[in-house]
């Protein structure tokens, strides 16, 4: 319990403190301070902190380099939803989500039926698909790193385009 309190105190220290020292007193208690207890004291080396940067709206402690080193990226198709039916000839928007986030320099390639829809990889999380014929189609979204290497791929999402307009499709049932 004392350790937890001590760590909370360390985190609560002002950001302006240049160095933090850990002192173990004769009774075994541990104290953290910005002043060395004696000449032999050495400052602690603290690792990177994650979370929101205080005082910077939208700022973060993580850098794009840190995210690039993340163990795994994941890409998911948000729209169209699996097995969704749309009227052929209407604009259809493909939307993606990327975890832990779309890092600067990373790009997406949208593929329908195995062919790239966009001429060049894009940073956009949504894209209007070109007109597609009626029938079943498969959408896959590929995440590329700044070197153009694939780092993640969404599971395939199948959707259908109906030859009948949506208003007439309901009347046919």
N, C-alpha and C. Protein backbone atom coordinates (compact mmCIF):
# COMPACT_ATOMS: atom_id res chain seq x y z
N UNK A 1 0.82 -1.19 0.00
CA UNK A 1 0.00 0.00 0.00
C UNK A 1 0.86 1.26 0.00
N UNK A 2 1.95 1.22 0.80
CA UNK A 2 2.84 2.37 0.86
C UNK A 2 3.49 2.62 -0.50
N UNK A 3 3.82 1.53 -1.18
CA UNK A 3 4.43 1.66 -2.50
C UNK A 3 3.47 2.36 -3.46
N UNK A 4 2.21 1.97 -3.44
CA UNK A 4 1.21 2.58 -4.31
C UNK A 4 1.08 4.07 -4.04
N UNK A 5 1.04 4.43 -2.79
CA UNK A 5 0.95 5.84 -2.42
C UNK A 5 2.19 6.59 -2.89
N UNK A 6 3.35 5.98 -2.72
CA UNK A 6 4.60 6.62 -3.14
C UNK A 6 4.61 6.82 -4.66
N UNK A 7 4.14 5.84 -5.40
CA UNK A 7 4.12 5.97 -6.86
C UNK A 7 3.13 7.05 -7.29
N UNK A 8 2.01 7.14 -6.62
CA UNK A 8 1.06 8.20 -6.94
C UNK A 8 1.66 9.57 -6.66
N UNK A 9 2.44 9.65 -5.62
CA UNK A 9 3.09 10.91 -5.31
C UNK A 9 4.10 11.27 -6.39
N UNK A 10 4.83 10.27 -6.91
CA UNK A 10 5.80 10.52 -7.96
C UNK A 10 5.08 11.05 -9.20
N UNK A 11 3.97 10.44 -9.53
CA UNK A 11 3.22 10.88 -10.71
C UNK A 11 2.63 12.26 -10.52
N UNK A 12 2.40 12.64 -9.28
CA UNK A 12 1.80 13.94 -9.00
C UNK A 12 2.84 15.06 -8.92
N UNK A 13 4.13 14.69 -8.97
CA UNK A 13 5.16 15.72 -8.90
C UNK A 13 5.03 16.66 -10.08
N UNK A 14 5.37 17.90 -9.90
CA UNK A 14 5.26 18.85 -11.01
C UNK A 14 6.11 18.42 -12.19
N UNK A 15 5.60 18.67 -13.38
CA UNK A 15 6.31 18.30 -14.60
C UNK A 15 7.60 19.09 -14.73
N UNK A 16 7.70 20.21 -14.04
CA UNK A 16 8.88 21.06 -14.14
C UNK A 16 10.09 20.45 -13.43
N UNK A 17 9.90 19.49 -12.54
CA UNK A 17 11.02 18.90 -11.82
C UNK A 17 11.93 18.20 -12.81
N UNK A 18 13.23 18.57 -12.79
CA UNK A 18 14.18 18.00 -13.73
C UNK A 18 14.57 16.57 -13.37
N UNK A 19 14.73 16.31 -12.08
CA UNK A 19 15.17 15.00 -11.64
C UNK A 19 14.35 14.56 -10.44
N UNK A 20 14.22 13.24 -10.31
CA UNK A 20 13.49 12.66 -9.18
C UNK A 20 14.43 11.66 -8.51
N UNK A 21 14.47 11.72 -7.18
CA UNK A 21 15.33 10.85 -6.40
C UNK A 21 14.48 9.95 -5.51
N UNK A 22 14.96 8.71 -5.32
CA UNK A 22 14.30 7.75 -4.43
C UNK A 22 15.20 7.56 -3.22
N UNK A 23 14.60 7.69 -2.04
CA UNK A 23 15.37 7.56 -0.81
C UNK A 23 14.71 6.49 0.06
N UNK A 24 15.52 5.52 0.51
CA UNK A 24 15.03 4.51 1.45
C UNK A 24 15.59 4.87 2.81
N UNK A 25 14.71 5.20 3.73
CA UNK A 25 15.13 5.62 5.07
C UNK A 25 15.45 4.42 5.95
N UNK A 26 16.14 4.62 7.08
CA UNK A 26 16.54 3.51 7.95
C UNK A 26 15.36 2.65 8.42
N UNK A 27 14.17 3.24 8.55
CA UNK A 27 13.01 2.46 8.99
C UNK A 27 12.37 1.67 7.83
N UNK A 28 12.98 1.77 6.62
CA UNK A 28 12.48 1.03 5.47
C UNK A 28 11.48 1.77 4.61
N UNK A 29 11.07 2.95 5.05
CA UNK A 29 10.10 3.70 4.25
C UNK A 29 10.80 4.30 3.03
N UNK A 30 10.05 4.40 1.93
CA UNK A 30 10.58 4.92 0.68
C UNK A 30 9.98 6.29 0.43
N UNK A 31 10.83 7.23 0.06
CA UNK A 31 10.38 8.59 -0.22
C UNK A 31 10.94 9.02 -1.58
N UNK A 32 10.15 9.80 -2.29
CA UNK A 32 10.54 10.35 -3.59
C UNK A 32 10.60 11.86 -3.46
N UNK A 33 11.66 12.45 -4.03
CA UNK A 33 11.84 13.88 -3.89
C UNK A 33 12.60 14.42 -5.10
N UNK A 34 12.60 15.75 -5.24
CA UNK A 34 13.37 16.37 -6.32
C UNK A 34 14.74 16.84 -5.82
N UNK A 35 15.06 16.49 -4.55
CA UNK A 35 16.36 16.87 -3.98
C UNK A 35 17.09 15.61 -3.51
N UNK A 36 18.37 15.47 -3.87
CA UNK A 36 19.11 14.28 -3.43
C UNK A 36 19.32 14.28 -1.92
N UNK A 37 19.24 13.08 -1.33
CA UNK A 37 19.42 12.96 0.12
C UNK A 37 20.89 13.16 0.50
N UNK A 38 21.80 12.74 -0.37
CA UNK A 38 23.22 12.94 -0.12
C UNK A 38 23.95 13.00 -1.46
N UNK A 39 25.29 13.15 -1.41
CA UNK A 39 26.08 13.32 -2.63
C UNK A 39 26.09 12.07 -3.50
N UNK A 40 25.85 10.90 -2.90
CA UNK A 40 25.88 9.65 -3.67
C UNK A 40 24.56 9.38 -4.41
N UNK A 41 23.54 10.13 -4.11
CA UNK A 41 22.23 9.88 -4.72
C UNK A 41 22.26 10.11 -6.23
N UNK A 42 21.60 9.22 -6.96
CA UNK A 42 21.51 9.35 -8.42
C UNK A 42 20.04 9.48 -8.80
N UNK A 43 19.75 10.30 -9.80
CA UNK A 43 18.35 10.47 -10.20
C UNK A 43 17.78 9.19 -10.81
N UNK A 44 16.47 9.01 -10.64
CA UNK A 44 15.78 7.86 -11.23
C UNK A 44 15.66 8.04 -12.73
N UNK A 45 15.66 6.94 -13.44
CA UNK A 45 15.38 6.97 -14.87
C UNK A 45 13.97 6.43 -15.05
N UNK A 46 13.08 7.31 -15.45
CA UNK A 46 11.69 6.90 -15.64
C UNK A 46 11.45 6.62 -17.11
N UNK A 47 10.70 5.55 -17.37
CA UNK A 47 10.37 5.18 -18.75
C UNK A 47 9.31 6.11 -19.31
N UNK A 48 8.97 5.92 -20.59
CA UNK A 48 7.95 6.78 -21.20
C UNK A 48 6.60 6.59 -20.55
N UNK A 49 5.87 7.65 -20.47
CA UNK A 49 4.55 7.63 -19.87
C UNK A 49 3.53 7.66 -21.00
N UNK A 50 2.40 6.96 -20.84
CA UNK A 50 1.38 7.00 -21.87
C UNK A 50 0.19 7.79 -21.34
N UNK A 51 -0.59 8.32 -22.25
CA UNK A 51 -1.78 9.07 -21.87
C UNK A 51 -1.79 10.43 -22.51
N UNK A 52 -2.66 11.28 -22.06
CA UNK A 52 -2.80 12.60 -22.64
C UNK A 52 -1.79 13.55 -22.03
N UNK A 53 -1.22 14.40 -22.84
CA UNK A 53 -0.26 15.38 -22.37
C UNK A 53 -1.00 16.52 -21.68
N UNK A 54 -0.69 16.80 -20.42
CA UNK A 54 -1.36 17.90 -19.74
C UNK A 54 -1.05 19.22 -20.44
N UNK A 55 -2.06 20.05 -20.58
CA UNK A 55 -1.87 21.38 -21.14
C UNK A 55 -1.82 21.44 -22.65
N UNK A 56 -1.88 20.32 -23.32
CA UNK A 56 -1.87 20.30 -24.79
C UNK A 56 -3.15 19.65 -25.26
N UNK A 57 -4.10 20.43 -25.74
CA UNK A 57 -5.34 19.82 -26.23
C UNK A 57 -5.03 18.83 -27.35
N UNK A 58 -5.50 17.62 -27.17
CA UNK A 58 -5.29 16.59 -28.19
C UNK A 58 -3.88 16.03 -28.23
N UNK A 59 -3.00 16.51 -27.35
CA UNK A 59 -1.63 16.02 -27.35
C UNK A 59 -1.55 14.65 -26.70
N UNK A 60 -0.51 13.90 -27.04
CA UNK A 60 -0.33 12.58 -26.45
C UNK A 60 1.13 12.36 -26.10
N UNK A 61 1.37 11.44 -25.20
CA UNK A 61 2.72 11.07 -24.85
C UNK A 61 3.31 10.11 -25.87
N UNK A 62 2.45 9.37 -26.58
CA UNK A 62 2.99 8.44 -27.56
C UNK A 62 3.30 9.17 -28.85
N UNK A 63 4.34 8.71 -29.51
CA UNK A 63 4.77 9.32 -30.76
C UNK A 63 4.41 8.38 -31.90
N UNK A 64 4.40 8.88 -33.13
CA UNK A 64 4.18 7.99 -34.26
C UNK A 64 5.19 6.84 -34.30
N UNK A 65 6.43 7.12 -33.90
CA UNK A 65 7.45 6.07 -33.88
C UNK A 65 7.07 4.95 -32.90
N UNK A 66 6.52 5.34 -31.75
CA UNK A 66 6.11 4.33 -30.77
C UNK A 66 4.96 3.49 -31.33
N UNK A 67 4.02 4.14 -32.00
CA UNK A 67 2.90 3.39 -32.57
C UNK A 67 3.35 2.47 -33.69
N UNK A 68 4.35 2.91 -34.47
CA UNK A 68 4.85 2.08 -35.55
C UNK A 68 5.45 0.79 -35.00
N UNK A 69 5.98 0.87 -33.78
CA UNK A 69 6.59 -0.29 -33.15
C UNK A 69 5.56 -1.16 -32.42
N UNK A 70 4.30 -0.75 -32.44
CA UNK A 70 3.25 -1.52 -31.75
C UNK A 70 3.26 -2.95 -32.27
N UNK A 71 2.96 -3.87 -31.39
CA UNK A 71 3.02 -5.28 -31.75
C UNK A 71 2.08 -5.61 -32.90
N UNK A 72 0.88 -5.02 -32.90
CA UNK A 72 -0.09 -5.35 -33.93
C UNK A 72 -0.96 -4.16 -34.28
N UNK A 73 -1.24 -4.07 -35.55
CA UNK A 73 -2.26 -3.14 -36.03
C UNK A 73 -3.44 -4.00 -36.44
N UNK A 74 -4.61 -3.44 -36.39
CA UNK A 74 -5.81 -4.15 -36.84
C UNK A 74 -6.63 -3.21 -37.71
N UNK A 75 -7.16 -3.75 -38.79
CA UNK A 75 -8.01 -2.98 -39.70
C UNK A 75 -9.35 -3.70 -39.77
N UNK A 76 -10.42 -2.91 -39.75
CA UNK A 76 -11.75 -3.48 -39.82
C UNK A 76 -12.61 -2.66 -40.78
N UNK A 77 -13.46 -3.33 -41.54
CA UNK A 77 -14.41 -2.66 -42.41
C UNK A 77 -15.62 -2.28 -41.55
N UNK A 78 -15.93 -1.00 -41.51
CA UNK A 78 -17.09 -0.52 -40.75
C UNK A 78 -18.33 -0.41 -41.64
N UNK A 79 -18.10 -0.09 -42.92
CA UNK A 79 -19.21 0.03 -43.86
C UNK A 79 -18.68 -0.33 -45.24
N UNK A 80 -19.41 -1.06 -46.01
CA UNK A 80 -20.73 -1.62 -45.74
C UNK A 80 -20.64 -2.77 -44.73
N UNK A 81 -21.73 -3.03 -44.07
CA UNK A 81 -21.75 -4.12 -43.10
C UNK A 81 -21.88 -5.45 -43.83
N UNK A 82 -21.43 -6.55 -43.22
CA UNK A 82 -21.49 -7.85 -43.89
C UNK A 82 -22.91 -8.20 -44.35
N UNK A 83 -22.97 -8.69 -45.56
CA UNK A 83 -24.20 -9.15 -46.20
C UNK A 83 -25.23 -8.04 -46.42
N UNK A 84 -24.82 -6.80 -46.28
CA UNK A 84 -25.73 -5.68 -46.52
C UNK A 84 -26.06 -5.63 -48.01
N UNK A 85 -27.32 -5.25 -48.35
CA UNK A 85 -27.78 -5.16 -49.74
C UNK A 85 -28.02 -3.69 -50.06
N UNK A 86 -27.47 -3.25 -51.19
CA UNK A 86 -27.62 -1.87 -51.66
C UNK A 86 -28.14 -1.89 -53.08
N UNK A 87 -28.74 -0.80 -53.50
CA UNK A 87 -29.19 -0.68 -54.89
C UNK A 87 -27.99 -0.38 -55.78
N UNK A 88 -27.87 -1.09 -56.87
CA UNK A 88 -26.79 -0.84 -57.83
C UNK A 88 -26.96 0.57 -58.39
N UNK A 89 -25.86 1.22 -58.70
CA UNK A 89 -25.92 2.55 -59.28
C UNK A 89 -25.89 3.68 -58.27
N UNK A 90 -26.04 3.37 -57.02
CA UNK A 90 -25.98 4.40 -55.98
C UNK A 90 -24.57 4.47 -55.41
N UNK A 91 -24.22 5.65 -54.90
CA UNK A 91 -22.89 5.81 -54.31
C UNK A 91 -22.81 4.99 -53.03
N UNK A 92 -21.76 4.20 -52.93
CA UNK A 92 -21.54 3.37 -51.76
C UNK A 92 -20.21 3.80 -51.14
N UNK A 93 -20.22 4.07 -49.84
CA UNK A 93 -19.01 4.51 -49.14
C UNK A 93 -18.45 3.36 -48.33
N UNK A 94 -17.17 3.11 -48.50
CA UNK A 94 -16.46 2.13 -47.69
C UNK A 94 -15.80 2.90 -46.54
N UNK A 95 -15.95 2.37 -45.33
CA UNK A 95 -15.35 3.02 -44.15
C UNK A 95 -14.52 2.00 -43.38
N UNK A 96 -13.39 2.46 -42.86
CA UNK A 96 -12.46 1.60 -42.14
C UNK A 96 -12.22 2.12 -40.73
N UNK A 97 -11.83 1.22 -39.84
CA UNK A 97 -11.28 1.63 -38.55
C UNK A 97 -9.93 0.95 -38.42
N UNK A 98 -8.97 1.67 -37.85
CA UNK A 98 -7.62 1.17 -37.68
C UNK A 98 -7.26 1.28 -36.21
N UNK A 99 -6.78 0.20 -35.64
CA UNK A 99 -6.35 0.21 -34.25
C UNK A 99 -4.86 -0.06 -34.20
N UNK A 100 -4.07 0.67 -33.45
CA UNK A 100 -4.43 1.65 -32.45
C UNK A 100 -4.74 3.02 -33.03
N UNK A 101 -4.68 3.22 -34.31
CA UNK A 101 -4.99 4.49 -34.94
C UNK A 101 -4.23 4.57 -36.26
N UNK A 102 -4.69 5.43 -37.14
CA UNK A 102 -4.00 5.61 -38.42
C UNK A 102 -2.84 6.57 -38.19
N UNK A 103 -1.65 6.02 -38.12
CA UNK A 103 -0.43 6.77 -37.82
C UNK A 103 -0.01 7.56 -39.04
N UNK A 104 0.53 8.76 -38.80
CA UNK A 104 1.01 9.61 -39.89
C UNK A 104 1.98 8.82 -40.76
N UNK A 105 1.77 8.90 -42.06
CA UNK A 105 2.63 8.19 -43.00
C UNK A 105 2.09 6.83 -43.39
N UNK A 106 1.18 6.28 -42.62
CA UNK A 106 0.57 5.01 -42.97
C UNK A 106 -0.58 5.29 -43.94
N UNK A 107 -0.87 4.36 -44.82
CA UNK A 107 -1.89 4.56 -45.86
C UNK A 107 -2.77 3.32 -45.97
N UNK A 108 -3.94 3.52 -46.59
CA UNK A 108 -4.89 2.43 -46.79
C UNK A 108 -5.11 2.18 -48.28
N UNK A 109 -5.30 0.93 -48.63
CA UNK A 109 -5.69 0.53 -49.97
C UNK A 109 -7.02 -0.20 -49.83
N UNK A 110 -8.02 0.27 -50.55
CA UNK A 110 -9.34 -0.34 -50.55
C UNK A 110 -9.41 -1.28 -51.76
N UNK A 111 -9.76 -2.53 -51.52
CA UNK A 111 -9.84 -3.52 -52.60
C UNK A 111 -11.26 -4.07 -52.69
N UNK A 112 -11.82 -4.08 -53.90
CA UNK A 112 -13.11 -4.71 -54.14
C UNK A 112 -12.86 -5.85 -55.12
N UNK A 113 -13.27 -7.04 -54.73
CA UNK A 113 -13.10 -8.24 -55.55
C UNK A 113 -11.63 -8.45 -55.95
N UNK A 114 -10.71 -8.10 -55.04
CA UNK A 114 -9.29 -8.33 -55.27
C UNK A 114 -8.57 -7.23 -56.01
N UNK A 115 -9.29 -6.22 -56.51
CA UNK A 115 -8.66 -5.12 -57.24
C UNK A 115 -8.67 -3.85 -56.41
N UNK A 116 -7.55 -3.10 -56.45
CA UNK A 116 -7.47 -1.83 -55.73
C UNK A 116 -8.46 -0.83 -56.33
N UNK A 117 -9.21 -0.17 -55.49
CA UNK A 117 -10.19 0.84 -55.92
C UNK A 117 -9.51 2.19 -56.07
N UNK A 118 -8.59 2.51 -55.16
CA UNK A 118 -7.90 3.80 -55.21
C UNK A 118 -6.60 3.65 -56.00
N UNK A 119 -6.29 4.65 -56.83
CA UNK A 119 -5.11 4.61 -57.69
C UNK A 119 -3.83 4.56 -56.86
N UNK A 120 -3.84 5.24 -55.73
CA UNK A 120 -2.67 5.26 -54.84
C UNK A 120 -3.18 5.10 -53.41
N UNK A 121 -2.37 4.54 -52.50
CA UNK A 121 -2.79 4.42 -51.10
C UNK A 121 -3.16 5.79 -50.53
N UNK A 122 -4.19 5.82 -49.65
CA UNK A 122 -4.70 7.07 -49.09
C UNK A 122 -4.68 7.04 -47.57
N UNK A 123 -4.76 8.24 -46.97
CA UNK A 123 -4.84 8.36 -45.51
C UNK A 123 -6.28 8.44 -45.04
N UNK A 124 -7.24 8.31 -45.94
CA UNK A 124 -8.66 8.47 -45.61
C UNK A 124 -9.25 7.20 -45.03
N UNK A 125 -10.04 7.38 -43.95
CA UNK A 125 -10.72 6.24 -43.33
C UNK A 125 -12.04 5.93 -44.02
N UNK A 126 -12.40 6.70 -45.03
CA UNK A 126 -13.59 6.38 -45.84
C UNK A 126 -13.30 6.77 -47.28
N UNK A 127 -14.01 6.09 -48.17
CA UNK A 127 -13.76 6.29 -49.59
C UNK A 127 -15.02 5.91 -50.36
N UNK A 128 -15.42 6.75 -51.32
CA UNK A 128 -16.55 6.41 -52.18
C UNK A 128 -16.09 5.35 -53.18
N UNK A 129 -16.84 4.26 -53.23
CA UNK A 129 -16.49 3.20 -54.16
C UNK A 129 -16.97 3.57 -55.56
N UNK A 130 -16.29 3.11 -56.59
CA UNK A 130 -16.75 3.38 -57.95
C UNK A 130 -18.04 2.59 -58.20
N UNK A 131 -18.79 2.94 -59.26
CA UNK A 131 -20.00 2.18 -59.57
C UNK A 131 -19.65 0.70 -59.78
N UNK A 132 -20.43 -0.15 -59.17
CA UNK A 132 -20.21 -1.60 -59.26
C UNK A 132 -21.46 -2.24 -59.85
N UNK A 133 -21.29 -3.34 -60.57
CA UNK A 133 -22.47 -4.01 -61.12
C UNK A 133 -23.26 -4.73 -60.03
N UNK A 134 -24.52 -5.04 -60.33
CA UNK A 134 -25.34 -5.82 -59.40
C UNK A 134 -24.66 -7.15 -59.15
N UNK A 135 -24.84 -7.68 -57.96
CA UNK A 135 -24.25 -8.96 -57.59
C UNK A 135 -23.52 -8.88 -56.27
N UNK A 136 -22.80 -9.94 -55.94
CA UNK A 136 -22.05 -10.02 -54.68
C UNK A 136 -20.64 -9.47 -54.89
N UNK A 137 -20.16 -8.79 -53.87
CA UNK A 137 -18.82 -8.19 -53.91
C UNK A 137 -18.14 -8.41 -52.57
N UNK A 138 -16.80 -8.32 -52.60
CA UNK A 138 -16.01 -8.50 -51.38
C UNK A 138 -15.08 -7.31 -51.22
N UNK A 139 -15.10 -6.70 -50.02
CA UNK A 139 -14.25 -5.54 -49.72
C UNK A 139 -13.20 -5.96 -48.70
N UNK A 140 -11.96 -5.60 -48.99
CA UNK A 140 -10.83 -5.79 -48.07
C UNK A 140 -10.09 -4.46 -48.01
N UNK A 141 -9.65 -4.07 -46.81
CA UNK A 141 -8.88 -2.84 -46.64
C UNK A 141 -7.52 -3.22 -46.09
N UNK A 142 -6.47 -2.75 -46.78
CA UNK A 142 -5.09 -3.10 -46.45
C UNK A 142 -4.38 -1.87 -45.89
N UNK A 143 -3.67 -2.03 -44.77
CA UNK A 143 -2.89 -0.96 -44.15
C UNK A 143 -1.43 -1.12 -44.55
N UNK A 144 -0.85 -0.04 -45.10
CA UNK A 144 0.56 -0.05 -45.50
C UNK A 144 1.35 0.91 -44.62
N UNK A 145 2.58 0.52 -44.28
CA UNK A 145 3.46 1.42 -43.52
C UNK A 145 4.09 2.44 -44.48
N UNK A 146 4.87 3.40 -43.98
CA UNK A 146 5.45 4.42 -44.87
C UNK A 146 6.35 3.84 -45.98
N UNK A 147 6.86 2.65 -45.78
CA UNK A 147 7.70 2.02 -46.80
C UNK A 147 6.85 1.26 -47.83
N UNK A 148 5.53 1.27 -47.66
CA UNK A 148 4.65 0.58 -48.61
C UNK A 148 4.45 -0.89 -48.31
N UNK A 149 4.91 -1.34 -47.14
CA UNK A 149 4.76 -2.74 -46.77
C UNK A 149 3.43 -2.95 -46.05
N UNK A 150 2.77 -4.06 -46.35
CA UNK A 150 1.51 -4.38 -45.68
C UNK A 150 1.77 -4.74 -44.23
N UNK A 151 1.03 -4.08 -43.31
CA UNK A 151 1.16 -4.38 -41.89
C UNK A 151 -0.13 -4.96 -41.31
N UNK A 152 -1.24 -4.77 -42.01
CA UNK A 152 -2.50 -5.35 -41.54
C UNK A 152 -3.48 -5.39 -42.70
N UNK A 153 -4.46 -6.28 -42.57
CA UNK A 153 -5.48 -6.47 -43.60
C UNK A 153 -6.78 -6.81 -42.90
N UNK A 154 -7.86 -6.18 -43.34
CA UNK A 154 -9.16 -6.47 -42.74
C UNK A 154 -9.64 -7.84 -43.19
N UNK A 155 -10.47 -8.47 -42.38
CA UNK A 155 -11.15 -9.67 -42.88
C UNK A 155 -12.05 -9.26 -44.03
N UNK A 156 -12.29 -10.14 -44.99
CA UNK A 156 -13.16 -9.78 -46.12
C UNK A 156 -14.59 -9.51 -45.65
N UNK A 157 -15.19 -8.48 -46.21
CA UNK A 157 -16.60 -8.16 -45.94
C UNK A 157 -17.36 -8.33 -47.25
N UNK A 158 -18.35 -9.20 -47.24
CA UNK A 158 -19.16 -9.43 -48.43
C UNK A 158 -20.43 -8.60 -48.36
N UNK A 159 -20.78 -7.98 -49.48
CA UNK A 159 -22.02 -7.21 -49.58
C UNK A 159 -22.59 -7.43 -50.97
N UNK A 160 -23.86 -7.07 -51.13
CA UNK A 160 -24.53 -7.28 -52.42
C UNK A 160 -25.11 -5.98 -52.95
N UNK A 161 -25.14 -5.90 -54.27
CA UNK A 161 -25.81 -4.80 -54.94
C UNK A 161 -26.98 -5.40 -55.71
N UNK A 162 -28.15 -4.82 -55.51
CA UNK A 162 -29.37 -5.29 -56.15
C UNK A 162 -29.60 -4.51 -57.43
N UNK A 163 -30.09 -5.20 -58.46
CA UNK A 163 -30.39 -4.54 -59.73
C UNK A 163 -31.63 -3.67 -59.60
N UNK A 164 -32.51 -3.99 -58.65
CA UNK A 164 -33.74 -3.22 -58.45
C UNK A 164 -33.48 -2.07 -57.48
N UNK A 165 -34.07 -0.91 -57.73
CA UNK A 165 -33.97 0.18 -56.75
C UNK A 165 -34.56 -0.28 -55.42
N UNK A 166 -34.06 0.29 -54.32
CA UNK A 166 -34.53 -0.11 -52.98
C UNK A 166 -36.04 -0.01 -52.84
N UNK A 167 -36.68 1.02 -53.43
CA UNK A 167 -38.13 1.20 -53.29
C UNK A 167 -38.89 0.08 -53.98
N UNK A 168 -38.38 -0.43 -55.10
CA UNK A 168 -39.05 -1.49 -55.84
C UNK A 168 -38.75 -2.85 -55.23
N UNK A 169 -37.59 -2.99 -54.57
CA UNK A 169 -37.22 -4.29 -54.00
C UNK A 169 -38.23 -4.69 -52.94
N UNK A 170 -38.67 -3.75 -52.10
CA UNK A 170 -39.65 -4.05 -51.05
C UNK A 170 -40.99 -4.46 -51.65
N UNK A 171 -41.38 -3.90 -52.78
CA UNK A 171 -42.66 -4.23 -53.41
C UNK A 171 -42.63 -5.60 -54.04
N UNK A 172 -41.44 -6.13 -54.36
CA UNK A 172 -41.33 -7.45 -55.01
C UNK A 172 -41.49 -8.59 -54.04
N UNK A 173 -41.32 -8.36 -52.75
CA UNK A 173 -41.34 -9.44 -51.76
C UNK A 173 -42.69 -10.03 -51.57
